[in-house]
């Protein structure tokens, strides 16, 4: 299972720095964060749909929290 989320921002390096410590890969999920133009691109790979859903939800929640900070 794979998901790719692109978040446009004026400060992509700062957003990546905020998100990266909370998005740790392990044997069940693999996160990859990249910067492309004015976007932070977060790729999530998992083996199960439920895990993918939870990880994607986590990405959005952390992004919204970072926006408030």
N, C-alpha and C. Protein backbone atom coordinates (compact mmCIF):
# COMPACT_ATOMS: atom_id res chain seq x y z
N UNK A 1 0.85 -1.16 0.00
CA UNK A 1 0.00 0.00 0.00
C UNK A 1 0.91 1.23 0.00
N UNK A 2 0.49 2.24 -0.74
CA UNK A 2 1.32 3.45 -0.86
C UNK A 2 0.44 4.69 -0.86
N UNK A 3 0.90 5.72 -0.20
CA UNK A 3 0.24 7.02 -0.24
C UNK A 3 1.30 8.09 -0.41
N UNK A 4 0.97 9.09 -1.19
CA UNK A 4 1.86 10.23 -1.40
C UNK A 4 1.05 11.49 -1.13
N UNK A 5 1.52 12.29 -0.19
CA UNK A 5 0.85 13.53 0.18
C UNK A 5 1.78 14.69 -0.11
N UNK A 6 1.27 15.70 -0.81
CA UNK A 6 2.04 16.90 -1.11
C UNK A 6 1.41 18.08 -0.38
N UNK A 7 2.23 18.79 0.40
CA UNK A 7 1.74 19.94 1.15
C UNK A 7 2.51 21.17 0.69
N UNK A 8 1.78 22.11 0.09
CA UNK A 8 2.39 23.37 -0.33
C UNK A 8 2.55 24.29 0.85
N UNK A 9 3.72 24.94 0.93
CA UNK A 9 4.00 25.84 2.03
C UNK A 9 5.06 26.85 1.62
N UNK A 10 5.06 27.98 2.31
CA UNK A 10 6.08 29.01 2.04
C UNK A 10 7.43 28.62 2.62
N UNK A 11 7.42 27.71 3.60
CA UNK A 11 8.66 27.30 4.27
C UNK A 11 8.74 25.77 4.32
N UNK A 12 9.00 25.13 3.19
CA UNK A 12 9.00 23.67 3.17
C UNK A 12 10.09 23.04 4.03
N UNK A 13 11.26 23.66 4.11
CA UNK A 13 12.34 23.09 4.92
C UNK A 13 11.95 23.08 6.40
N UNK A 14 11.29 24.13 6.85
CA UNK A 14 10.87 24.20 8.24
C UNK A 14 9.80 23.15 8.54
N UNK A 15 8.84 22.98 7.64
CA UNK A 15 7.80 21.97 7.85
C UNK A 15 8.40 20.58 7.87
N UNK A 16 9.32 20.30 6.97
CA UNK A 16 9.98 18.99 6.96
C UNK A 16 10.71 18.75 8.27
N UNK A 17 11.39 19.76 8.77
CA UNK A 17 12.12 19.65 10.03
C UNK A 17 11.19 19.36 11.21
N UNK A 18 10.00 19.94 11.17
CA UNK A 18 9.01 19.72 12.23
C UNK A 18 8.43 18.31 12.15
N UNK A 19 8.10 17.86 10.94
CA UNK A 19 7.43 16.57 10.77
C UNK A 19 8.36 15.37 10.93
N UNK A 20 9.57 15.50 10.46
CA UNK A 20 10.47 14.35 10.35
C UNK A 20 10.68 13.57 11.67
N UNK A 21 10.90 14.22 12.81
CA UNK A 21 11.12 13.43 14.03
C UNK A 21 9.92 12.58 14.45
N UNK A 22 8.72 12.99 14.09
CA UNK A 22 7.52 12.26 14.49
C UNK A 22 7.14 11.15 13.51
N UNK A 23 7.72 11.15 12.34
CA UNK A 23 7.39 10.16 11.32
C UNK A 23 8.55 9.18 11.16
N UNK A 24 8.66 8.27 12.12
CA UNK A 24 9.75 7.30 12.12
C UNK A 24 9.33 6.01 11.43
N UNK A 25 10.17 5.53 10.56
CA UNK A 25 9.92 4.26 9.89
C UNK A 25 10.25 3.10 10.81
N UNK A 26 9.56 1.99 10.59
CA UNK A 26 9.85 0.75 11.31
C UNK A 26 9.51 -0.42 10.40
N UNK A 27 9.36 -1.63 10.97
CA UNK A 27 9.09 -2.80 10.12
C UNK A 27 7.70 -2.79 9.51
N UNK A 28 6.78 -1.97 10.05
CA UNK A 28 5.41 -1.92 9.53
C UNK A 28 5.14 -0.76 8.58
N UNK A 29 5.93 0.28 8.68
CA UNK A 29 5.68 1.47 7.86
C UNK A 29 7.00 2.13 7.48
N UNK A 30 7.03 2.66 6.26
CA UNK A 30 8.20 3.37 5.77
C UNK A 30 7.77 4.76 5.33
N UNK A 31 8.33 5.78 5.98
CA UNK A 31 8.07 7.17 5.62
C UNK A 31 9.25 7.72 4.84
N UNK A 32 8.96 8.57 3.87
CA UNK A 32 10.01 9.29 3.16
C UNK A 32 9.54 10.72 2.96
N UNK A 33 10.33 11.69 3.40
CA UNK A 33 10.00 13.10 3.25
C UNK A 33 11.00 13.75 2.31
N UNK A 34 10.48 14.48 1.35
CA UNK A 34 11.32 15.21 0.39
C UNK A 34 10.76 16.60 0.20
N UNK A 35 11.61 17.49 -0.27
CA UNK A 35 11.17 18.84 -0.64
C UNK A 35 11.26 18.96 -2.15
N UNK A 36 10.17 19.41 -2.76
CA UNK A 36 10.12 19.64 -4.20
C UNK A 36 9.45 20.99 -4.42
N UNK A 37 10.22 21.93 -4.94
CA UNK A 37 9.74 23.30 -5.13
C UNK A 37 9.25 23.85 -3.79
N UNK A 38 8.02 24.28 -3.69
CA UNK A 38 7.47 24.81 -2.44
C UNK A 38 6.56 23.78 -1.77
N UNK A 39 6.92 22.51 -1.89
CA UNK A 39 6.10 21.44 -1.33
C UNK A 39 6.95 20.51 -0.48
N UNK A 40 6.32 19.98 0.54
CA UNK A 40 6.88 18.85 1.28
C UNK A 40 6.11 17.63 0.79
N UNK A 41 6.83 16.65 0.30
CA UNK A 41 6.22 15.44 -0.22
C UNK A 41 6.48 14.31 0.78
N UNK A 42 5.39 13.75 1.30
CA UNK A 42 5.49 12.66 2.26
C UNK A 42 4.97 11.39 1.62
N UNK A 43 5.82 10.39 1.52
CA UNK A 43 5.42 9.09 0.97
C UNK A 43 5.36 8.09 2.11
N UNK A 44 4.29 7.30 2.11
CA UNK A 44 4.09 6.29 3.14
C UNK A 44 3.88 4.95 2.44
N UNK A 45 4.65 3.95 2.85
CA UNK A 45 4.50 2.59 2.34
C UNK A 45 4.22 1.66 3.51
N UNK A 46 3.16 0.84 3.37
CA UNK A 46 2.80 -0.14 4.39
C UNK A 46 2.30 -1.40 3.71
N UNK A 47 2.07 -2.43 4.50
CA UNK A 47 1.54 -3.68 3.95
C UNK A 47 0.04 -3.81 4.16
N UNK A 48 -0.51 -3.03 5.11
CA UNK A 48 -1.93 -3.16 5.45
C UNK A 48 -2.67 -1.84 5.25
N UNK A 49 -3.90 -1.92 4.82
CA UNK A 49 -4.72 -0.75 4.57
C UNK A 49 -4.98 0.05 5.84
N UNK A 50 -5.27 -0.62 6.94
CA UNK A 50 -5.52 0.07 8.20
C UNK A 50 -4.31 0.87 8.67
N UNK A 51 -3.13 0.30 8.50
CA UNK A 51 -1.90 0.99 8.87
C UNK A 51 -1.69 2.21 7.98
N UNK A 52 -1.96 2.06 6.70
CA UNK A 52 -1.82 3.18 5.77
C UNK A 52 -2.76 4.31 6.15
N UNK A 53 -3.99 3.97 6.49
CA UNK A 53 -4.98 4.98 6.89
C UNK A 53 -4.52 5.72 8.14
N UNK A 54 -4.05 5.00 9.13
CA UNK A 54 -3.59 5.62 10.37
C UNK A 54 -2.38 6.52 10.14
N UNK A 55 -1.45 6.06 9.32
CA UNK A 55 -0.25 6.85 9.05
C UNK A 55 -0.58 8.12 8.27
N UNK A 56 -1.47 8.00 7.31
CA UNK A 56 -1.87 9.17 6.53
C UNK A 56 -2.60 10.18 7.42
N UNK A 57 -3.46 9.69 8.29
CA UNK A 57 -4.15 10.56 9.24
C UNK A 57 -3.14 11.26 10.14
N UNK A 58 -2.13 10.54 10.58
CA UNK A 58 -1.08 11.11 11.41
C UNK A 58 -0.34 12.23 10.68
N UNK A 59 -0.05 12.04 9.42
CA UNK A 59 0.62 13.08 8.62
C UNK A 59 -0.22 14.35 8.59
N UNK A 60 -1.51 14.22 8.35
CA UNK A 60 -2.38 15.40 8.29
C UNK A 60 -2.50 16.08 9.66
N UNK A 61 -2.64 15.31 10.71
CA UNK A 61 -2.75 15.90 12.06
C UNK A 61 -1.49 16.65 12.44
N UNK A 62 -0.33 16.07 12.18
CA UNK A 62 0.91 16.74 12.50
C UNK A 62 1.12 17.99 11.65
N UNK A 63 0.70 17.94 10.40
CA UNK A 63 0.82 19.11 9.52
C UNK A 63 -0.07 20.25 10.01
N UNK A 64 -1.27 19.92 10.44
CA UNK A 64 -2.17 20.96 10.95
C UNK A 64 -1.63 21.55 12.26
N UNK A 65 -1.06 20.71 13.11
CA UNK A 65 -0.48 21.18 14.35
C UNK A 65 0.73 22.09 14.06
N UNK A 66 1.55 21.70 13.11
CA UNK A 66 2.71 22.52 12.73
C UNK A 66 2.27 23.88 12.20
N UNK A 67 1.14 23.90 11.50
CA UNK A 67 0.63 25.14 10.95
C UNK A 67 0.20 26.09 12.07
N UNK A 68 -0.30 25.54 13.17
CA UNK A 68 -0.75 26.36 14.30
C UNK A 68 0.42 26.90 15.12
N UNK A 69 1.54 26.17 15.10
CA UNK A 69 2.70 26.58 15.89
C UNK A 69 3.43 27.62 15.16
